[in-house]
Protein backbone atom coordinates (compact mmCIF):
# COMPACT_ATOMS: atom_id res chain seq x y z
CA UNK A 1 0.00 0.00 0.00
CA UNK A 2 0.93 3.64 -0.46
CA UNK A 3 0.14 6.40 2.03
CA UNK A 4 0.05 10.06 1.08
CA UNK A 5 -0.01 13.15 3.30
CA UNK A 6 -0.48 16.63 1.85
CA UNK A 7 0.53 19.91 3.46
CA UNK A 8 0.95 23.55 2.55
CA UNK A 9 -2.60 24.71 1.99
CA UNK A 10 -3.97 27.92 3.42
CA UNK A 11 -5.40 31.34 2.70
CA UNK A 12 -3.66 33.58 0.18
CA UNK A 13 -4.52 36.77 -1.66
CA UNK A 14 -5.09 36.71 -5.39
CA UNK A 15 -1.78 36.98 -7.21
CA UNK A 16 0.06 35.25 -4.41
CA UNK A 17 1.85 31.92 -4.24
CA UNK A 18 1.67 28.68 -2.29
CA UNK A 19 3.62 25.46 -2.42
CA UNK A 20 1.87 22.21 -1.66
CA UNK A 21 3.82 19.18 -0.53
CA UNK A 22 2.90 15.50 -0.65
CA UNK A 23 4.84 12.93 1.36
CA UNK A 24 4.64 9.33 0.15
CA UNK A 25 5.31 6.28 2.29
CA UNK A 26 4.77 2.55 2.12
CA UNK A 27 5.33 0.66 -1.13
CA UNK A 28 6.71 3.70 -2.91
CA UNK A 29 8.75 1.68 -5.39
CA UNK A 30 5.51 0.59 -7.04
CA UNK A 31 4.46 4.16 -7.86
CA UNK A 32 4.42 4.88 -11.58
CA UNK A 33 2.83 8.29 -11.59
CA UNK A 34 1.85 10.99 -9.13
CA UNK A 35 -0.51 13.87 -9.54
CA UNK A 36 -2.36 16.72 -7.96
CA UNK A 37 -6.12 17.01 -8.25
CA UNK A 38 -8.51 19.56 -6.86
CA UNK A 39 -12.16 19.78 -5.99
CA UNK A 40 -13.66 23.27 -5.98
CA UNK A 41 -16.74 23.87 -3.78
CA UNK A 42 -19.77 22.23 -5.36
CA UNK A 43 -17.80 20.84 -8.30
CA UNK A 44 -16.22 17.58 -9.34
CA UNK A 45 -12.64 16.64 -8.70
CA UNK A 46 -10.32 17.52 -11.58
CA UNK A 47 -6.74 16.93 -12.60
CA UNK A 48 -4.37 19.81 -11.96
CA UNK A 49 -0.98 18.33 -12.82
CA UNK A 50 0.75 14.97 -13.11
CA UNK A 51 4.28 13.65 -13.31
CA UNK A 52 5.36 10.14 -14.23
CA UNK A 53 8.38 8.13 -13.26
CA UNK A 54 10.34 9.45 -16.22
CA UNK A 55 9.64 13.04 -15.28
CA UNK A 56 7.08 13.80 -17.97
CA UNK A 57 4.63 16.45 -16.76
CA UNK A 58 1.15 17.38 -17.84
CA UNK A 59 -1.07 20.22 -16.70
CA UNK A 60 -4.65 21.32 -16.89
CA UNK A 61 -5.06 24.19 -19.32
CA UNK A 62 -6.33 26.41 -16.53
CA UNK A 63 -3.03 26.23 -14.61
CA UNK A 64 -0.44 26.08 -17.41
CA UNK A 65 2.22 28.72 -16.93
CA UNK A 66 1.19 29.30 -13.30
CA UNK A 67 1.62 25.93 -11.56
CA UNK A 68 4.64 23.64 -11.56
CA UNK A 69 4.72 20.03 -10.41
CA UNK A 70 7.98 18.48 -9.28
CA UNK A 71 9.15 15.41 -7.40
CA UNK A 72 12.09 14.56 -5.19
CA UNK A 73 12.55 10.83 -5.44
CA UNK A 74 15.21 10.78 -2.72
CA UNK A 75 12.76 12.31 -0.23
CA UNK A 76 9.65 10.59 -1.61
CA UNK A 77 8.01 13.97 -2.06
CA UNK A 78 5.92 15.63 -4.74
CA UNK A 79 5.36 19.35 -4.82
CA UNK A 80 2.97 21.76 -6.51
CA UNK A 81 4.25 25.30 -6.80
CA UNK A 82 1.29 27.58 -7.40
CA UNK A 83 1.94 31.14 -8.58
CA UNK A 84 -0.35 33.93 -9.73
CA UNK A 85 -3.20 32.36 -7.81
CA UNK A 86 -6.76 33.28 -8.71
CA UNK A 87 -9.97 33.03 -6.69
CA UNK A 88 -11.09 30.23 -9.01
CA UNK A 89 -8.15 28.15 -7.79
CA UNK A 90 -9.92 27.83 -4.45
CA UNK A 91 -10.40 24.11 -3.78
CA UNK A 92 -9.37 21.15 -1.75
CA UNK A 93 -6.19 19.84 -3.33
CA UNK A 94 -5.45 16.12 -3.28
CA UNK A 95 -2.29 14.18 -3.99
CA UNK A 96 -2.69 10.91 -5.90
CA UNK A 97 -0.31 8.07 -6.60
CA UNK A 98 -0.81 5.39 -9.25
CA UNK A 99 0.69 1.92 -9.18
CA UNK A 100 0.05 -0.94 -11.58
CA UNK A 101 -2.57 -2.33 -9.25
CA UNK A 102 -4.08 0.51 -7.22
CA UNK A 103 -4.41 4.22 -6.82
CA UNK A 104 -3.92 6.01 -3.52
CA UNK A 105 -5.19 9.40 -2.38
CA UNK A 106 -4.21 11.78 0.34
CA UNK A 107 -6.67 13.40 2.70
CA UNK A 108 -6.55 16.76 0.93
CA UNK A 109 -5.46 20.25 1.85
CA UNK A 110 -7.60 23.36 1.48
CA UNK A 111 -6.43 26.28 -0.61
CA UNK A 112 -8.44 29.48 -0.40
CA UNK A 113 -7.63 32.40 -2.68
CA UNK A 114 -9.17 35.70 -1.60
CA UNK A 115 -9.96 38.36 -4.18
């Protein structure tokens, strides 16, 4: 199994920055891809950014040029640097890990962007 714990959420003014962190533990060697998802109030969960084992990254159109996903394999960490934040980025942000057999989710961290 894989366990994920997110941190770094909070309240920020529009135009500001936050960095989310996700710590992975357990059977980390089975992880093939990690990603960040978010669920805005009253809406469905959506992909924000993903990064695979080879380092290939993909982003939602709404965050391209503003958010950057990165991973530190030595520390078993994945990060989401969020710049130029907008009120519409307000959501609960979740870390997700994919293995060949299962997917694992963190508990989520709330990001609130004030206008």
